[in-house]
């Protein structure tokens, strides 16, 4: 009995402790809930700036009102939000499936939540004034300096007796013997000069007229030898010897410069005529690099600009050069203009026909307004930049760009100095916020077509058979139709119908109940209120939406296009 009594007493004690704990916990929870309720009550109400048109039209109102279809205008709160819950959501008509992450406002601006901005990695930079230094990179080739090409072409007729330089590409030094020739004309001129000099010496005691005549004859013979490029040293040797030489080694032709033999036509024993080229020698201590500059960059190139040249054969070397000439012609096949650079080549590393990579540094003439090149969205017909108006709010602007550098472009108009432009993830903003809809406010109309409730494009045109005013006018642009489904609730006395439809994604409309006009009263013939329907709406005038096609849903599924007409 004592043991049973102890068990009962213990159970009573435990029960009392549990009841006390529950009572204290209830008190603490109640206090916490009261504090939370007080905190909620203390949060101030956000200020409404104005009410905007729910269809995105450029129409605002300082007081709440409805549009022509009975839809409430959407309040816009202080700070740019269109909801008053403090969550900084965009609009209930966000084009990305009503996610509230991005929206296009009626003014063409784009709104993205702060969380989405961070997730997309969006960065912006201000438009600034700077000098555009540009480095043009193009391809080129090494060519022989045409000023250093020498042709060996004797001015007299003769025969080659012996070749001293026998191969093309062989290096030669100035004064080196190329070949020996025999020429009867040269022998005759040499004899005349020798006889004239002997006569001058023999007539030293004769009268002045005789000595003067013989001296003129000697000078004429000497001038004839010099005109044939007989060197002064050879003439002096001939004068000292006083004899003629008619051996096959009468005369030796020497090279006038250092260089290499580019072309050799001379052969031992061959006869040559006056002016016939036997050797072509080029001095490669200085070479040309011909660079092909694209047509759009040629205005930046002028003589005197320094350039850097790299050759694949010497990846660790950079050759410095200067632009000496810009050719006046353009290659129509490549749309490039040749530009000539002159480069010193004392070691002979640069060989003719080598491939070259040319970098031409162009310094801008002054400071211009610039933005990063990544900020420009180029569609091919125009350029767009996203300007950050505030945190999470962007505006697409059409701009015109000028000259470019490696990382920046010049802005001619569309952006002011100091305005911030999006430089990273701007294409993601385009995808996230349906930027094309925002650009539509710049004055570009949408193409004609039908968009179903899922946003799929289906081209369509309003026909006269639907009873729309002016529908038969072919000059009028095709209207855009939007397909959806819902329920026919009632046929109103004023000829309109009351329908409940599903969300229309492309319009940013949520599912709602509204009154709509009919393009033709026969559209609802045979359809009773409460019937599930599919229908198409078209904006006949700004803010005025009419049903142009309507049929029962079961008829639509069965493929009968005439049901409901």
Protein backbone atom coordinates (compact mmCIF):
# COMPACT_ATOMS: atom_id res chain seq x y z
CA UNK A 1 0.00 0.00 0.00
CA UNK A 2 2.81 2.36 0.85
CA UNK A 3 4.43 1.63 -2.53
CA UNK A 4 1.16 2.29 -4.37
CA UNK A 5 0.69 5.57 -2.50
CA UNK A 6 4.21 6.72 -3.49
CA UNK A 7 3.51 6.05 -7.14
CA UNK A 8 0.32 8.08 -7.01
CA UNK A 9 2.04 10.98 -5.28
CA UNK A 10 4.83 10.98 -7.92
CA UNK A 11 2.36 11.01 -10.78
CA UNK A 12 0.55 13.96 -9.25
CA UNK A 13 3.83 15.88 -8.92
CA UNK A 14 4.82 15.22 -12.57
CA UNK A 15 1.40 16.30 -13.76
CA UNK A 16 1.70 19.54 -11.84
CA UNK A 17 5.14 20.29 -13.31
CA UNK A 18 3.80 19.71 -16.87
CA UNK A 19 0.82 22.01 -16.32
CA UNK A 20 3.09 24.75 -14.96
CA UNK A 21 5.48 24.46 -17.95
CA UNK A 22 2.65 24.68 -20.44
CA UNK A 23 1.29 27.80 -18.70
CA UNK A 24 4.65 29.61 -18.81
CA UNK A 25 5.19 28.66 -22.46
CA UNK A 26 1.77 30.00 -23.42
CA UNK A 27 2.51 33.28 -21.74
CA UNK A 28 5.84 33.70 -23.64
CA UNK A 29 4.28 32.82 -26.98
CA UNK A 30 1.48 35.24 -26.44
CA UNK A 31 3.91 38.01 -25.61
CA UNK A 32 5.94 37.26 -28.73
CA UNK A 33 2.86 37.28 -30.94
CA UNK A 34 1.78 40.53 -29.39
CA UNK A 35 5.19 42.06 -30.11
CA UNK A 36 5.06 40.81 -33.68
CA UNK A 37 1.62 42.25 -34.13
CA UNK A 38 2.80 45.55 -32.71
CA UNK A 39 5.81 45.53 -35.04
CA UNK A 40 3.56 44.95 -38.02
CA UNK A 41 1.28 47.71 -36.92
CA UNK A 42 4.24 50.08 -36.51
CA UNK A 43 5.51 49.55 -40.12
CA UNK A 44 4.46 52.70 -41.97
CA UNK A 45 2.25 52.52 -45.04
CA UNK A 46 4.08 53.15 -48.32
CA UNK A 47 3.18 56.28 -50.27
CA UNK A 48 1.31 55.85 -53.56
CA UNK A 49 2.71 58.14 -56.26
CA UNK A 50 0.13 57.49 -59.00
CA UNK A 51 -1.90 54.77 -60.72
CA UNK A 52 -0.84 53.42 -64.12
CA UNK A 53 -2.80 51.77 -66.91
CA UNK A 54 -2.94 47.98 -66.34
CA UNK A 55 -2.38 47.35 -70.08
CA UNK A 56 0.95 49.19 -70.09
CA UNK A 57 -0.38 52.23 -72.00
CA UNK A 58 1.09 55.69 -71.41
CA UNK A 59 -1.82 56.72 -69.17
CA UNK A 60 -1.63 57.52 -65.44
CA UNK A 61 -4.09 58.79 -62.86
CA UNK A 62 -3.59 60.47 -59.47
CA UNK A 63 -6.66 58.61 -58.09
CA UNK A 64 -7.86 55.01 -58.39
CA UNK A 65 -9.97 54.29 -61.48
CA UNK A 66 -10.85 51.60 -64.03
CA UNK A 67 -10.10 51.35 -67.71
CA UNK A 68 -12.63 50.82 -70.49
CA UNK A 69 -12.70 47.06 -69.78
CA UNK A 70 -13.31 47.43 -66.07
CA UNK A 71 -9.75 46.62 -64.98
CA UNK A 72 -8.33 48.50 -61.98
CA UNK A 73 -5.38 50.82 -62.53
CA UNK A 74 -2.20 49.53 -60.84
CA UNK A 75 -0.78 51.66 -57.99
CA UNK A 76 2.88 52.72 -58.25
CA UNK A 77 4.46 53.23 -54.84
CA UNK A 78 7.30 55.47 -53.75
CA UNK A 79 10.58 53.81 -54.67
CA UNK A 80 9.25 52.57 -58.02
CA UNK A 81 7.47 49.41 -56.82
CA UNK A 82 4.03 48.51 -58.08
CA UNK A 83 3.04 46.48 -55.02
CA UNK A 84 2.66 47.71 -51.52
CA UNK A 85 3.88 44.58 -49.73
CA UNK A 86 7.44 45.92 -49.34
CA UNK A 87 8.98 42.99 -51.15
CA UNK A 88 10.20 45.19 -54.04
CA UNK A 89 8.55 42.92 -56.58
CA UNK A 90 8.20 44.29 -60.05
CA UNK A 91 4.70 44.14 -61.43
CA UNK A 92 2.00 41.53 -61.36
CA UNK A 93 2.26 41.73 -65.12
CA UNK A 94 5.89 40.61 -65.28
CA UNK A 95 6.54 39.08 -68.69
CA UNK A 96 8.57 36.23 -67.28
CA UNK A 97 5.58 34.16 -66.29
CA UNK A 98 4.41 36.45 -63.50
CA UNK A 99 7.51 35.70 -61.42
CA UNK A 100 7.80 39.29 -60.28
CA UNK A 101 11.51 39.35 -61.10
CA UNK A 102 11.53 41.57 -64.18
CA UNK A 103 9.06 43.83 -65.93
CA UNK A 104 8.88 46.39 -68.72
CA UNK A 105 7.19 49.58 -67.56
CA UNK A 106 4.95 51.64 -69.72
CA UNK A 107 7.76 54.20 -70.30
CA UNK A 108 10.08 51.59 -71.83
CA UNK A 109 12.05 51.09 -68.62
CA UNK A 110 13.02 47.67 -67.31
CA UNK A 111 12.61 46.73 -63.63
CA UNK A 112 14.56 43.84 -62.08
CA UNK A 113 14.57 42.91 -58.43
CA UNK A 114 17.74 43.43 -56.39
CA UNK A 115 18.06 39.69 -55.82
CA UNK A 116 17.90 39.07 -59.56
CA UNK A 117 20.51 41.77 -60.22
CA UNK A 118 22.92 40.02 -57.88
CA UNK A 119 22.13 36.58 -59.28
CA UNK A 120 22.68 37.66 -62.91
CA UNK A 121 25.96 39.39 -62.07
CA UNK A 122 24.88 42.71 -63.56
CA UNK A 123 27.62 45.38 -63.51
CA UNK A 124 27.55 48.98 -64.69
CA UNK A 125 30.11 51.68 -65.41
CA UNK A 126 29.71 55.42 -65.99
CA UNK A 127 30.17 57.00 -69.42
CA UNK A 128 33.40 58.99 -69.25
CA UNK A 129 35.55 61.28 -71.38
CA UNK A 130 38.82 59.70 -72.49
CA UNK A 131 41.31 59.62 -75.35
CA UNK A 132 40.70 56.59 -77.52
CA UNK A 133 44.03 54.89 -78.10
CA UNK A 134 43.58 52.09 -80.54
CA UNK A 135 45.90 49.27 -81.56
CA UNK A 136 45.07 47.92 -85.00
CA UNK A 137 46.22 44.37 -85.63
CA UNK A 138 46.52 43.12 -89.16
CA UNK A 139 48.46 40.73 -91.34
CA UNK A 140 51.37 41.64 -93.56
CA UNK A 141 54.27 40.23 -95.55
CA UNK A 142 57.94 41.05 -95.92
CA UNK A 143 58.96 42.38 -99.32
CA UNK A 144 62.19 43.62 -100.89
CA UNK A 145 62.84 47.33 -100.62
CA UNK A 146 62.43 48.38 -104.24
CA UNK A 147 64.89 51.24 -103.78
CA UNK A 148 67.65 48.72 -103.10
CA UNK A 149 67.17 46.53 -106.19
CA UNK A 150 69.95 46.77 -108.79
CA UNK A 151 69.92 45.32 -112.29
CA UNK A 152 73.15 44.33 -114.09
CA UNK A 153 72.57 45.06 -117.79
CA UNK A 154 75.66 45.98 -119.91
CA UNK A 155 75.28 48.85 -122.39
CA UNK A 156 77.32 47.17 -125.08
CA UNK A 157 77.13 43.94 -127.04
CA UNK A 158 79.38 41.05 -126.11
CA UNK A 159 79.89 37.47 -124.98
CA UNK A 160 80.17 36.04 -121.46
CA UNK A 161 83.48 34.26 -121.12
CA UNK A 162 83.39 33.27 -117.44
CA UNK A 163 80.92 33.40 -114.52
CA UNK A 164 82.19 34.15 -111.00
CA UNK A 165 78.68 34.08 -109.37
CA UNK A 166 76.83 31.09 -110.70
CA UNK A 167 73.66 30.62 -108.54
CA UNK A 168 70.53 32.52 -107.58
CA UNK A 169 70.33 33.52 -103.91
CA UNK A 170 74.11 33.71 -103.53
CA UNK A 171 75.25 36.62 -101.33
CA UNK A 172 77.62 39.11 -102.91
CA UNK A 173 79.66 42.05 -101.66
CA UNK A 174 80.16 45.42 -103.26
CA UNK A 175 82.92 45.28 -105.87
CA UNK A 176 82.87 41.49 -106.18
CA UNK A 177 83.39 40.14 -109.74
CA UNK A 178 80.29 38.71 -111.37
CA UNK A 179 81.48 37.66 -114.84
CA UNK A 180 84.11 38.37 -117.56
CA UNK A 181 83.06 39.54 -121.03
CA UNK A 182 84.59 40.03 -124.45
CA UNK A 183 83.16 42.80 -126.63
CA UNK A 184 84.56 43.95 -130.01
CA UNK A 185 82.94 47.35 -129.45
CA UNK A 186 84.71 47.69 -126.14
CA UNK A 187 88.03 46.69 -127.71
CA UNK A 188 87.54 49.28 -130.48
CA UNK A 189 86.75 52.05 -127.98
CA UNK A 190 89.74 51.07 -125.90
CA UNK A 191 92.03 51.19 -128.99
CA UNK A 192 90.74 54.62 -129.95
CA UNK A 193 91.46 55.96 -126.49
CA UNK A 194 94.93 54.39 -126.42
CA UNK A 195 95.87 55.80 -129.85
CA UNK A 196 94.53 59.23 -128.93
CA UNK A 197 96.57 59.31 -125.71
CA UNK A 198 99.71 58.23 -127.61
CA UNK A 199 99.13 60.99 -130.19
CA UNK A 200 98.68 63.59 -127.48
CA UNK A 201 102.03 62.56 -126.02
CA UNK A 202 103.74 62.59 -129.46
CA UNK A 203 102.41 66.04 -130.39
CA UNK A 204 103.53 67.81 -127.27
CA UNK A 205 105.82 70.02 -129.37
CA UNK A 206 103.25 70.69 -132.12
CA UNK A 207 101.19 73.84 -132.45
CA UNK A 208 98.29 74.52 -130.14
CA UNK A 209 95.52 73.73 -132.62
CA UNK A 210 96.92 70.30 -133.43
CA UNK A 211 97.42 69.37 -129.76
CA UNK A 212 93.96 70.66 -128.87
CA UNK A 213 92.28 68.60 -131.60
CA UNK A 214 94.04 65.42 -130.52
CA UNK A 215 93.17 66.10 -126.87
CA UNK A 216 89.47 66.41 -127.77
CA UNK A 217 89.64 63.07 -129.58
CA UNK A 218 91.15 61.41 -126.51
CA UNK A 219 88.48 62.91 -124.22
CA UNK A 220 85.67 61.71 -126.52
CA UNK A 221 87.09 58.17 -126.44
CA UNK A 222 87.34 58.31 -122.64
CA UNK A 223 83.74 59.56 -122.31
CA UNK A 224 82.54 56.69 -124.48
CA UNK A 225 84.19 54.18 -122.12
CA UNK A 226 82.69 55.87 -119.06
CA UNK A 227 79.22 55.82 -120.61
CA UNK A 228 79.59 52.06 -120.86
CA UNK A 229 80.14 51.94 -117.08
CA UNK A 230 83.89 51.26 -117.35
CA UNK A 231 85.19 52.14 -113.93
CA UNK A 232 87.68 54.95 -113.36
CA UNK A 233 90.23 52.49 -112.04
CA UNK A 234 90.06 50.41 -115.23
CA UNK A 235 90.49 53.55 -117.33
CA UNK A 236 93.54 54.56 -115.33
CA UNK A 237 95.01 51.08 -115.74
CA UNK A 238 94.41 51.32 -119.47
CA UNK A 239 96.06 54.75 -119.62
CA UNK A 240 99.10 53.57 -117.71
CA UNK A 241 99.55 50.43 -119.81
CA UNK A 242 98.98 52.25 -123.07
CA UNK A 243 98.01 49.00 -124.79
CA UNK A 244 94.76 47.30 -125.68
CA UNK A 245 93.67 43.94 -124.41
CA UNK A 246 91.62 41.79 -126.69
CA UNK A 247 91.71 38.61 -124.59
CA UNK A 248 88.47 36.99 -123.40
CA UNK A 249 89.08 38.51 -119.97
CA UNK A 250 89.16 42.00 -121.33
CA UNK A 251 86.54 43.34 -119.02
CA UNK A 252 85.13 42.15 -115.70
CA UNK A 253 81.66 43.22 -114.49
CA UNK A 254 81.46 43.88 -110.72
CA UNK A 255 78.47 44.13 -108.38
CA UNK A 256 77.68 47.71 -107.27
CA UNK A 257 76.14 46.83 -103.82
CA UNK A 258 76.05 44.27 -101.06
CA UNK A 259 73.11 41.91 -101.31
CA UNK A 260 71.86 38.66 -102.71
CA UNK A 261 71.27 37.53 -106.27
CA UNK A 262 67.50 37.60 -106.81
CA UNK A 263 67.66 36.60 -110.46
CA UNK A 264 70.44 35.26 -112.75
CA UNK A 265 70.09 34.89 -116.50
CA UNK A 266 73.79 34.87 -117.37
CA UNK A 267 75.34 31.67 -118.73
CA UNK A 268 78.93 31.09 -119.79
CA UNK A 269 79.38 31.52 -123.54
CA UNK A 270 76.07 33.28 -124.11
CA UNK A 271 75.81 36.41 -126.23
CA UNK A 272 74.11 39.42 -124.72
CA UNK A 273 72.70 42.55 -126.29
CA UNK A 274 72.85 46.12 -124.96
CA UNK A 275 70.41 46.58 -122.05
CA UNK A 276 69.76 42.88 -121.52
CA UNK A 277 69.44 42.07 -117.80
CA UNK A 278 71.92 39.40 -116.72
CA UNK A 279 71.71 39.71 -112.90
CA UNK A 280 69.33 41.28 -110.40
CA UNK A 281 70.80 42.01 -106.97
CA UNK A 282 68.94 43.30 -103.90
CA UNK A 283 70.33 44.87 -100.75
CA UNK A 284 68.33 43.40 -97.80
CA UNK A 285 69.78 45.65 -95.09
CA UNK A 286 66.40 47.42 -95.23
CA UNK A 287 63.12 45.73 -96.14
CA UNK A 288 59.47 46.63 -96.54
CA UNK A 289 56.50 45.14 -94.71
CA UNK A 290 53.22 45.55 -96.61
CA UNK A 291 50.30 45.48 -94.15
CA UNK A 292 46.66 45.17 -95.25
CA UNK A 293 44.53 47.64 -93.26
CA UNK A 294 40.75 47.24 -93.33
CA UNK A 295 38.71 49.88 -95.08
CA UNK A 296 36.97 51.15 -91.93
CA UNK A 297 40.31 51.79 -90.19
CA UNK A 298 42.22 53.48 -92.98
CA UNK A 299 41.17 56.98 -91.86
CA UNK A 300 43.24 56.50 -88.69
CA UNK A 301 46.44 55.61 -90.54
CA UNK A 302 48.95 58.20 -91.74
CA UNK A 303 52.64 58.32 -92.55
CA UNK A 304 55.04 58.62 -89.64
CA UNK A 305 53.07 56.37 -87.25
CA UNK A 306 55.19 53.75 -85.55
CA UNK A 307 54.32 50.08 -85.81
CA UNK A 308 55.47 46.81 -84.30
CA UNK A 309 56.05 43.69 -86.38
CA UNK A 310 56.23 40.11 -85.18
CA UNK A 311 57.44 37.18 -87.24
CA UNK A 312 56.45 33.58 -86.53
CA UNK A 313 60.05 32.48 -87.05
CA UNK A 314 61.23 34.74 -84.19
CA UNK A 315 58.47 34.75 -81.56
CA UNK A 316 60.73 36.40 -78.97
CA UNK A 317 61.66 39.37 -81.19
CA UNK A 318 59.75 42.53 -82.04
CA UNK A 319 60.81 44.63 -85.04
CA UNK A 320 60.10 48.36 -84.94
CA UNK A 321 59.11 50.20 -88.08
CA UNK A 322 57.52 53.39 -89.41
CA UNK A 323 54.71 53.81 -91.93
CA UNK A 324 56.28 55.46 -94.97
CA UNK A 325 53.44 55.23 -97.48
CA UNK A 326 49.70 54.56 -97.66
CA UNK A 327 48.76 53.20 -101.08
CA UNK A 328 46.00 55.07 -102.95
CA UNK A 329 44.20 51.91 -104.08
CA UNK A 330 41.94 49.39 -102.36
CA UNK A 331 41.84 45.65 -102.91
CA UNK A 332 38.20 44.95 -103.89
CA UNK A 333 38.47 41.27 -102.96
CA UNK A 334 39.59 41.80 -99.33
CA UNK A 335 38.38 45.41 -98.84
CA UNK A 336 41.81 46.37 -97.51
CA UNK A 337 44.31 49.11 -98.32
CA UNK A 338 48.05 48.28 -98.47
CA UNK A 339 50.24 50.23 -96.06
CA UNK A 340 54.02 50.21 -96.38
CA UNK A 341 56.37 50.01 -93.40
CA UNK A 342 60.14 50.33 -93.67
CA UNK A 343 62.19 48.24 -91.24
CA UNK A 344 65.96 48.00 -90.76
CA UNK A 345 67.30 44.49 -91.30
CA UNK A 346 71.04 44.63 -90.55
CA UNK A 347 71.33 40.95 -89.58
CA UNK A 348 69.26 39.72 -92.46
CA UNK A 349 66.67 37.98 -90.25
CA UNK A 350 63.75 39.21 -92.30
CA UNK A 351 63.41 37.28 -95.54
CA UNK A 352 61.24 38.38 -98.48
CA UNK A 353 57.77 36.74 -98.51
CA UNK A 354 57.78 36.03 -94.74
CA UNK A 355 54.38 36.31 -93.02
CA UNK A 356 54.17 39.19 -90.51
CA UNK A 357 51.80 40.22 -87.73
CA UNK A 358 51.56 44.01 -87.60
CA UNK A 359 50.37 46.17 -84.70
CA UNK A 360 49.76 49.84 -85.51
CA UNK A 361 49.27 52.13 -82.51
CA UNK A 362 46.90 55.02 -83.18
CA UNK A 363 46.54 57.82 -80.62
CA UNK A 364 43.24 59.70 -80.50
CA UNK A 365 43.20 63.42 -81.29
CA UNK A 366 41.30 64.41 -78.14
CA UNK A 367 38.94 63.28 -75.40
CA UNK A 368 35.55 61.91 -76.46
CA UNK A 369 32.59 60.44 -74.57
CA UNK A 370 33.06 56.68 -74.31
CA UNK A 371 31.44 53.57 -72.86
CA UNK A 372 32.85 50.03 -72.62
CA UNK A 373 32.43 48.05 -75.82
CA UNK A 374 30.52 45.35 -73.90
CA UNK A 375 27.77 47.88 -73.09
CA UNK A 376 26.59 48.06 -76.72
CA UNK A 377 23.97 45.61 -78.00
CA UNK A 378 24.31 45.75 -81.78
CA UNK A 379 21.37 44.37 -83.76
CA UNK A 380 22.97 45.16 -87.10
CA UNK A 381 20.62 48.05 -87.85
CA UNK A 382 20.97 50.01 -84.62
CA UNK A 383 22.85 49.99 -81.32
CA UNK A 384 21.22 49.81 -77.89
CA UNK A 385 22.69 50.49 -74.43
CA UNK A 386 21.01 49.79 -71.08
CA UNK A 387 21.22 52.86 -68.83
CA UNK A 388 20.91 52.25 -65.07
CA UNK A 389 18.46 54.81 -63.72
CA UNK A 390 18.37 53.45 -60.17
CA UNK A 391 19.06 50.25 -58.31
CA UNK A 392 17.31 47.55 -60.30
CA UNK A 393 15.79 49.95 -62.86
CA UNK A 394 17.16 50.20 -66.40
CA UNK A 395 16.24 52.04 -69.57
CA UNK A 396 17.13 50.87 -73.09
CA UNK A 397 18.50 53.72 -75.20
CA UNK A 398 19.26 53.83 -78.88
CA UNK A 399 22.74 55.28 -79.37
CA UNK A 400 25.09 56.07 -82.24
CA UNK A 401 28.70 55.01 -81.91
CA UNK A 402 31.80 56.47 -83.54
CA UNK A 403 35.39 55.31 -83.41
CA UNK A 404 36.46 52.27 -81.42
CA UNK A 405 39.45 51.25 -79.33
CA UNK A 406 40.31 47.84 -77.98
CA UNK A 407 37.88 48.10 -75.03
CA UNK A 408 35.85 51.29 -75.51
CA UNK A 409 33.64 52.90 -78.15
CA UNK A 410 32.85 56.54 -78.77
CA UNK A 411 29.22 57.59 -78.17
CA UNK A 412 28.03 60.33 -80.53
CA UNK A 413 24.58 60.71 -78.96
CA UNK A 414 22.11 58.90 -76.71
CA UNK A 415 24.06 58.92 -73.43
CA UNK A 416 25.34 61.79 -71.27
CA UNK A 417 28.59 61.89 -69.38
CA UNK A 418 28.29 60.26 -65.96
CA UNK A 419 25.29 58.07 -66.78
CA UNK A 420 25.87 54.45 -65.82
CA UNK A 421 25.50 51.78 -68.49
CA UNK A 422 25.27 48.02 -68.02
CA UNK A 423 28.53 46.34 -69.09
CA UNK A 424 27.92 42.77 -67.93
CA UNK A 425 24.87 40.50 -68.25
CA UNK A 426 23.04 42.99 -70.49
CA UNK A 427 22.05 40.13 -72.80
CA UNK A 428 20.66 38.28 -69.78
CA UNK A 429 18.56 41.33 -68.97
CA UNK A 430 17.28 41.20 -72.52
CA UNK A 431 16.19 37.60 -72.05
CA UNK A 432 14.87 38.04 -68.50
CA UNK A 433 12.77 41.14 -69.05
CA UNK A 434 11.62 40.76 -72.67
CA UNK A 435 13.51 43.82 -73.73
CA UNK A 436 11.85 43.82 -77.14
CA UNK A 437 8.59 44.87 -75.54
CA UNK A 438 10.31 47.81 -73.88
CA UNK A 439 11.94 48.83 -77.15
CA UNK A 440 8.51 48.91 -78.74
CA UNK A 441 7.90 52.20 -76.95
CA UNK A 442 10.65 53.75 -79.09
CA UNK A 443 8.19 53.79 -81.98
CA UNK A 444 8.63 50.41 -83.70
CA UNK A 445 5.38 48.54 -84.28
CA UNK A 446 5.03 44.84 -83.66
CA UNK A 447 4.62 42.59 -86.68
CA UNK A 448 1.22 41.14 -87.32
CA UNK A 449 0.40 37.74 -85.87
CA UNK A 450 -1.48 35.76 -83.27
CA UNK A 451 -0.05 34.88 -79.88
CA UNK A 452 -1.71 32.13 -77.91
CA UNK A 453 -1.93 31.94 -74.13
CA UNK A 454 1.48 30.26 -73.99
CA UNK A 455 3.14 33.00 -76.02
CA UNK A 456 3.46 31.03 -79.28
CA UNK A 457 3.37 33.24 -82.38
CA UNK A 458 0.65 32.43 -84.94
CA UNK A 459 0.32 34.91 -87.83
CA UNK A 460 -3.22 36.13 -88.41
CA UNK A 461 -4.99 39.10 -89.98
CA UNK A 462 -8.37 40.60 -89.18
CA UNK A 463 -10.85 39.84 -92.01
CA UNK A 464 -13.91 41.69 -93.14
CA UNK A 465 -15.97 38.61 -92.30
CA UNK A 466 -15.50 39.34 -88.60
CA UNK A 467 -17.19 42.68 -88.94
CA UNK A 468 -14.31 44.87 -87.75
CA UNK A 469 -14.42 48.45 -89.01
CA UNK A 470 -11.88 48.98 -91.73
CA UNK A 471 -10.84 45.35 -91.72
CA UNK A 472 -11.15 45.11 -95.47
CA UNK A 473 -8.65 47.96 -96.01
CA UNK A 474 -5.52 46.23 -97.24
CA UNK A 475 -3.39 49.30 -96.51
CA UNK A 476 -4.10 48.99 -92.78
CA UNK A 477 -1.39 47.03 -90.91
CA UNK A 478 -2.39 43.61 -89.58
CA UNK A 479 -3.51 43.54 -85.93
CA UNK A 480 -2.03 41.20 -83.35
CA UNK A 481 -4.38 38.61 -81.91
CA UNK A 482 -3.96 36.85 -78.56
CA UNK A 483 -5.56 33.46 -77.94
CA UNK A 484 -6.70 32.21 -74.56
CA UNK A 485 -9.36 30.03 -72.99
CA UNK A 486 -11.92 30.44 -70.24
CA UNK A 487 -15.63 30.37 -69.44
CA UNK A 488 -18.55 32.34 -70.93
CA UNK A 489 -20.35 33.67 -67.85
CA UNK A 490 -23.13 35.85 -69.33
CA UNK A 491 -24.46 37.64 -72.39
CA UNK A 492 -24.91 41.30 -71.41
CA UNK A 493 -27.77 43.48 -72.65
CA UNK A 494 -25.37 46.00 -74.23
CA UNK A 495 -24.03 43.31 -76.59
CA UNK A 496 -20.86 42.56 -74.58
CA UNK A 497 -20.06 39.25 -72.92
CA UNK A 498 -18.75 38.51 -69.46
CA UNK A 499 -15.93 35.97 -69.53
CA UNK A 500 -13.43 34.49 -67.09
CA UNK A 501 -10.16 33.79 -68.88
CA UNK A 502 -6.83 32.19 -68.01
CA UNK A 503 -3.61 34.26 -67.79
CA UNK A 504 -2.39 35.77 -71.08
CA UNK A 505 1.37 35.68 -70.74
CA UNK A 506 2.34 37.96 -73.61
CA UNK A 507 0.03 40.74 -72.38
CA UNK A 508 1.05 40.25 -68.79
CA UNK A 509 -2.61 39.70 -67.80
CA UNK A 510 -3.41 37.42 -64.92
CA UNK A 511 -6.52 35.25 -64.96
CA UNK A 512 -9.54 37.49 -64.41
CA UNK A 513 -13.25 38.09 -65.08
CA UNK A 514 -14.09 40.97 -67.40
CA UNK A 515 -16.57 42.31 -69.96
CA UNK A 516 -15.44 42.26 -73.59
CA UNK A 517 -17.06 43.53 -76.79
CA UNK A 518 -17.78 41.21 -79.71
CA UNK A 519 -16.56 41.97 -83.21
CA UNK A 520 -19.68 40.21 -84.50
CA UNK A 521 -22.73 39.24 -82.39
CA UNK A 522 -22.96 35.95 -84.31
CA UNK A 523 -19.81 34.72 -82.54
CA UNK A 524 -21.86 33.56 -79.53
CA UNK A 525 -24.70 31.98 -81.51
CA UNK A 526 -25.51 28.58 -80.00
CA UNK A 527 -23.17 28.99 -77.02
CA UNK A 528 -24.81 29.03 -73.59
CA UNK A 529 -23.52 30.79 -70.45
CA UNK A 530 -21.29 28.50 -68.40
CA UNK A 531 -19.72 26.91 -71.50
CA UNK A 532 -15.92 26.45 -71.59
CA UNK A 533 -14.64 28.44 -74.55
CA UNK A 534 -11.49 29.38 -76.46
CA UNK A 535 -11.35 32.84 -77.96
CA UNK A 536 -9.08 35.44 -79.54
CA UNK A 537 -8.88 39.12 -78.64
CA UNK A 538 -7.48 42.05 -80.64
CA UNK A 539 -6.79 45.62 -79.57
CA UNK A 540 -8.93 47.61 -82.03
CA UNK A 541 -8.01 50.99 -80.51
CA UNK A 542 -5.71 51.84 -77.59
CA UNK A 543 -7.29 50.24 -74.53
CA UNK A 544 -10.26 48.84 -76.51
CA UNK A 545 -10.16 45.03 -76.76
CA UNK A 546 -12.68 43.02 -78.78
CA UNK A 547 -13.25 39.30 -79.32
CA UNK A 548 -12.70 38.42 -82.98
CA UNK A 549 -13.03 34.64 -82.70
CA UNK A 550 -14.94 32.51 -80.16
CA UNK A 551 -15.95 28.86 -80.02
CA UNK A 552 -16.87 26.23 -77.50
CA UNK A 553 -13.87 24.39 -76.15
CA UNK A 554 -15.20 20.94 -77.09
CA UNK A 555 -15.76 22.13 -80.67
CA UNK A 556 -12.24 23.48 -80.77
CA UNK A 557 -10.85 20.16 -79.61
CA UNK A 558 -12.86 18.31 -82.24
CA UNK A 559 -11.30 20.47 -84.96
CA UNK A 560 -14.53 22.14 -86.17
CA UNK A 561 -13.52 25.67 -87.04
CA UNK A 562 -17.11 26.78 -87.76
CA UNK A 563 -18.47 26.14 -84.29
CA UNK A 564 -19.59 29.32 -82.64
CA UNK A 565 -19.79 31.32 -85.93
